[in-house]
N, C-alpha and C. Protein backbone atom coordinates (compact mmCIF):
# COMPACT_ATOMS: atom_id res chain seq x y z
N MET A 1 25.91 2.16 10.56
CA MET A 1 24.73 1.78 11.32
C MET A 1 24.19 0.46 10.80
N THR A 2 23.82 -0.39 11.71
CA THR A 2 23.27 -1.68 11.30
C THR A 2 21.85 -1.88 11.81
N ASP A 3 21.30 -0.88 12.52
CA ASP A 3 19.93 -1.05 13.00
C ASP A 3 18.93 -0.80 11.88
N SER A 4 17.66 -1.02 12.17
CA SER A 4 16.63 -0.91 11.14
C SER A 4 16.48 0.51 10.60
N SER A 5 16.86 1.53 11.38
CA SER A 5 16.71 2.91 10.90
C SER A 5 17.62 3.21 9.72
N SER A 6 18.72 2.49 9.58
CA SER A 6 19.62 2.73 8.45
C SER A 6 19.06 2.14 7.16
N LYS A 7 18.01 1.34 7.27
CA LYS A 7 17.41 0.70 6.10
C LYS A 7 16.21 1.49 5.58
N GLY A 8 15.90 2.62 6.17
CA GLY A 8 14.74 3.39 5.77
C GLY A 8 13.52 3.01 6.59
N ASN A 9 12.44 3.67 6.31
CA ASN A 9 11.21 3.46 7.07
C ASN A 9 10.46 2.19 6.69
N PHE A 10 10.78 1.61 5.56
CA PHE A 10 10.00 0.48 5.08
C PHE A 10 10.79 -0.82 5.02
N TRP A 11 11.82 -0.92 5.83
CA TRP A 11 12.68 -2.10 5.87
C TRP A 11 11.90 -3.38 6.16
N PHE A 12 10.82 -3.27 6.93
CA PHE A 12 10.06 -4.45 7.33
C PHE A 12 9.32 -5.11 6.16
N LEU A 13 9.20 -4.42 5.04
CA LEU A 13 8.54 -4.98 3.86
C LEU A 13 9.49 -5.81 3.00
N GLU A 14 10.78 -5.65 3.21
CA GLU A 14 11.79 -6.24 2.33
C GLU A 14 11.65 -7.75 2.14
N LYS A 15 11.45 -8.46 3.22
CA LYS A 15 11.43 -9.93 3.14
C LYS A 15 10.23 -10.45 2.35
N ASP A 16 9.04 -10.03 2.73
CA ASP A 16 7.83 -10.60 2.14
C ASP A 16 7.27 -9.82 0.95
N PHE A 17 7.52 -8.52 0.93
CA PHE A 17 6.95 -7.67 -0.11
C PHE A 17 7.97 -6.68 -0.66
N PRO A 18 9.02 -7.18 -1.29
CA PRO A 18 10.07 -6.26 -1.77
C PRO A 18 9.56 -5.25 -2.80
N PHE A 19 8.56 -5.62 -3.59
CA PHE A 19 8.01 -4.68 -4.57
C PHE A 19 7.28 -3.53 -3.88
N LEU A 20 6.63 -3.81 -2.74
CA LEU A 20 6.00 -2.74 -1.96
C LEU A 20 7.05 -1.83 -1.34
N LYS A 21 8.12 -2.43 -0.86
CA LYS A 21 9.19 -1.63 -0.26
C LYS A 21 9.78 -0.68 -1.29
N LYS A 22 9.98 -1.17 -2.50
CA LYS A 22 10.57 -0.33 -3.54
C LYS A 22 9.68 0.87 -3.84
N ILE A 23 8.39 0.63 -3.95
CA ILE A 23 7.45 1.73 -4.23
C ILE A 23 7.43 2.72 -3.06
N ALA A 24 7.37 2.20 -1.83
CA ALA A 24 7.34 3.07 -0.66
C ALA A 24 8.62 3.87 -0.52
N ASP A 25 9.75 3.24 -0.79
CA ASP A 25 11.02 3.96 -0.74
C ASP A 25 11.06 5.09 -1.76
N LEU A 26 10.52 4.83 -2.94
CA LEU A 26 10.49 5.88 -3.97
C LEU A 26 9.58 7.03 -3.56
N ALA A 27 8.43 6.71 -2.97
CA ALA A 27 7.53 7.77 -2.49
C ALA A 27 8.23 8.63 -1.44
N GLU A 28 8.93 7.97 -0.55
CA GLU A 28 9.66 8.70 0.49
C GLU A 28 10.79 9.54 -0.12
N PHE A 29 11.49 8.99 -1.09
CA PHE A 29 12.59 9.69 -1.74
C PHE A 29 12.10 10.99 -2.40
N TYR A 30 10.94 10.92 -3.04
CA TYR A 30 10.41 12.08 -3.76
C TYR A 30 9.55 13.01 -2.90
N ALA A 31 9.38 12.70 -1.64
CA ALA A 31 8.46 13.46 -0.79
C ALA A 31 8.74 14.97 -0.78
N TYR A 32 9.98 15.37 -0.83
CA TYR A 32 10.30 16.80 -0.75
C TYR A 32 10.74 17.38 -2.09
N SER A 33 11.29 16.55 -2.95
CA SER A 33 11.82 17.07 -4.21
C SER A 33 10.78 17.09 -5.34
N ASP A 34 9.82 16.15 -5.31
CA ASP A 34 8.81 16.06 -6.36
C ASP A 34 7.55 15.47 -5.75
N ARG A 35 6.75 16.35 -5.16
CA ARG A 35 5.57 15.90 -4.42
C ARG A 35 4.54 15.20 -5.30
N SER A 36 4.43 15.63 -6.54
CA SER A 36 3.50 14.97 -7.46
C SER A 36 3.90 13.52 -7.68
N CYS A 37 5.17 13.31 -7.90
CA CYS A 37 5.67 11.95 -8.09
C CYS A 37 5.48 11.13 -6.82
N ALA A 38 5.71 11.73 -5.66
CA ALA A 38 5.52 11.04 -4.39
C ALA A 38 4.07 10.60 -4.22
N LEU A 39 3.13 11.48 -4.58
CA LEU A 39 1.71 11.13 -4.48
C LEU A 39 1.34 9.98 -5.41
N ILE A 40 1.90 9.99 -6.60
CA ILE A 40 1.65 8.90 -7.55
C ILE A 40 2.18 7.59 -6.99
N LYS A 41 3.36 7.63 -6.40
CA LYS A 41 3.94 6.41 -5.81
C LYS A 41 3.12 5.93 -4.62
N MET A 42 2.61 6.87 -3.81
CA MET A 42 1.78 6.47 -2.67
C MET A 42 0.48 5.82 -3.13
N ARG A 43 -0.10 6.37 -4.19
CA ARG A 43 -1.33 5.77 -4.74
C ARG A 43 -1.04 4.38 -5.28
N LEU A 44 0.07 4.24 -6.00
CA LEU A 44 0.46 2.93 -6.52
C LEU A 44 0.68 1.95 -5.38
N PHE A 45 1.33 2.40 -4.32
CA PHE A 45 1.55 1.56 -3.14
C PHE A 45 0.21 1.07 -2.58
N ALA A 46 -0.73 1.98 -2.42
CA ALA A 46 -2.04 1.63 -1.86
C ALA A 46 -2.76 0.63 -2.77
N GLU A 47 -2.69 0.83 -4.07
CA GLU A 47 -3.34 -0.09 -5.00
C GLU A 47 -2.70 -1.48 -4.93
N LYS A 48 -1.39 -1.53 -4.82
CA LYS A 48 -0.71 -2.82 -4.73
C LYS A 48 -1.02 -3.52 -3.41
N VAL A 49 -1.20 -2.75 -2.34
CA VAL A 49 -1.59 -3.35 -1.06
C VAL A 49 -2.95 -4.01 -1.19
N THR A 50 -3.88 -3.37 -1.91
CA THR A 50 -5.18 -4.02 -2.11
C THR A 50 -5.02 -5.31 -2.90
N ASP A 51 -4.13 -5.32 -3.88
CA ASP A 51 -3.87 -6.56 -4.63
C ASP A 51 -3.38 -7.67 -3.70
N VAL A 52 -2.47 -7.32 -2.83
CA VAL A 52 -1.93 -8.30 -1.88
C VAL A 52 -3.05 -8.82 -0.98
N LEU A 53 -3.90 -7.93 -0.49
CA LEU A 53 -4.99 -8.35 0.39
C LEU A 53 -5.97 -9.26 -0.33
N PHE A 54 -6.27 -8.95 -1.59
CA PHE A 54 -7.16 -9.83 -2.36
C PHE A 54 -6.55 -11.22 -2.51
N CYS A 55 -5.26 -11.28 -2.78
CA CYS A 55 -4.59 -12.58 -2.91
C CYS A 55 -4.53 -13.32 -1.58
N GLU A 56 -4.16 -12.62 -0.52
CA GLU A 56 -4.02 -13.25 0.80
C GLU A 56 -5.35 -13.80 1.32
N HIS A 57 -6.45 -13.15 0.95
CA HIS A 57 -7.76 -13.56 1.44
C HIS A 57 -8.59 -14.32 0.40
N PHE A 58 -7.94 -14.66 -0.72
CA PHE A 58 -8.58 -15.45 -1.78
C PHE A 58 -9.90 -14.83 -2.25
N LEU A 59 -9.87 -13.53 -2.48
CA LEU A 59 -11.07 -12.82 -2.91
C LEU A 59 -11.08 -12.65 -4.42
N ASP A 60 -12.28 -12.68 -4.98
CA ASP A 60 -12.44 -12.37 -6.40
C ASP A 60 -12.49 -10.86 -6.57
N TYR A 61 -11.87 -10.39 -7.62
CA TYR A 61 -11.90 -8.95 -7.90
C TYR A 61 -13.31 -8.55 -8.33
N PRO A 62 -13.71 -7.33 -8.01
CA PRO A 62 -15.04 -6.89 -8.42
C PRO A 62 -15.13 -6.73 -9.94
N LYS A 63 -16.35 -6.79 -10.45
CA LYS A 63 -16.57 -6.64 -11.89
C LYS A 63 -15.97 -5.33 -12.38
N ASP A 64 -16.29 -4.24 -11.66
CA ASP A 64 -15.71 -2.93 -11.96
C ASP A 64 -14.44 -2.82 -11.11
N ASN A 65 -13.34 -3.34 -11.63
CA ASN A 65 -12.11 -3.50 -10.85
C ASN A 65 -11.34 -2.19 -10.73
N THR A 66 -11.91 -1.28 -9.96
CA THR A 66 -11.24 -0.01 -9.68
C THR A 66 -10.72 -0.06 -8.24
N PHE A 67 -9.82 0.84 -7.93
CA PHE A 67 -9.28 0.92 -6.58
C PHE A 67 -10.42 1.13 -5.57
N HIS A 68 -11.33 2.03 -5.90
CA HIS A 68 -12.45 2.32 -5.01
C HIS A 68 -13.30 1.07 -4.77
N GLU A 69 -13.62 0.35 -5.81
CA GLU A 69 -14.43 -0.87 -5.67
C GLU A 69 -13.70 -1.93 -4.85
N ARG A 70 -12.39 -2.05 -5.05
CA ARG A 70 -11.63 -3.01 -4.25
C ARG A 70 -11.64 -2.63 -2.78
N LEU A 71 -11.54 -1.33 -2.48
CA LEU A 71 -11.62 -0.89 -1.09
C LEU A 71 -12.99 -1.21 -0.50
N LEU A 72 -14.04 -1.02 -1.29
CA LEU A 72 -15.39 -1.34 -0.80
C LEU A 72 -15.53 -2.84 -0.51
N VAL A 73 -14.98 -3.69 -1.37
CA VAL A 73 -15.03 -5.13 -1.14
C VAL A 73 -14.26 -5.48 0.13
N LEU A 74 -13.07 -4.94 0.29
CA LEU A 74 -12.26 -5.23 1.48
C LEU A 74 -12.97 -4.76 2.75
N ARG A 75 -13.62 -3.62 2.66
CA ARG A 75 -14.37 -3.12 3.81
C ARG A 75 -15.57 -4.03 4.09
N GLY A 76 -16.28 -4.42 3.04
CA GLY A 76 -17.43 -5.31 3.19
C GLY A 76 -17.07 -6.66 3.77
N GLU A 77 -15.88 -7.14 3.48
CA GLU A 77 -15.40 -8.42 4.01
C GLU A 77 -14.87 -8.30 5.43
N GLY A 78 -14.81 -7.07 5.95
CA GLY A 78 -14.30 -6.86 7.30
C GLY A 78 -12.79 -6.83 7.39
N ILE A 79 -12.12 -6.74 6.23
CA ILE A 79 -10.66 -6.72 6.20
C ILE A 79 -10.15 -5.31 6.48
N LEU A 80 -10.88 -4.31 5.99
CA LEU A 80 -10.57 -2.91 6.27
C LEU A 80 -11.67 -2.33 7.13
N ASP A 81 -11.30 -1.51 8.09
CA ASP A 81 -12.28 -0.80 8.91
C ASP A 81 -12.76 0.43 8.18
N ASP A 82 -13.88 0.93 8.61
CA ASP A 82 -14.38 2.19 8.10
C ASP A 82 -13.37 3.27 8.48
N ALA A 83 -12.88 4.00 7.51
CA ALA A 83 -11.83 5.00 7.76
C ALA A 83 -12.27 6.03 8.78
N LYS A 84 -13.54 6.35 8.84
CA LYS A 84 -14.02 7.35 9.79
C LYS A 84 -13.84 6.89 11.23
N SER A 85 -13.90 5.59 11.46
CA SER A 85 -13.77 5.08 12.83
C SER A 85 -12.35 5.24 13.35
N ALA A 86 -11.38 5.39 12.46
CA ALA A 86 -10.00 5.56 12.88
C ALA A 86 -9.72 6.95 13.43
N TRP A 87 -10.56 7.90 13.12
CA TRP A 87 -10.36 9.28 13.57
C TRP A 87 -11.06 9.45 14.87
């Protein structure tokens, strides 16, 4: 197979964000065999995505540089929507 499905679900990250693809692939790999590990990889993926967004938008990291604080900054800047509005 040469289509995108043979490359996994995260093939589109390969060119610009290979480190994100690797983390996402690992989360997917462990999804059924080691759910705890998969959750850790998904959290790491989400944290790295916030790092990418801070770099792409030239934002300063918050003083209390936690994942939660970074999400609040991204939401305050209008980069992330309120999660409740998505439901």
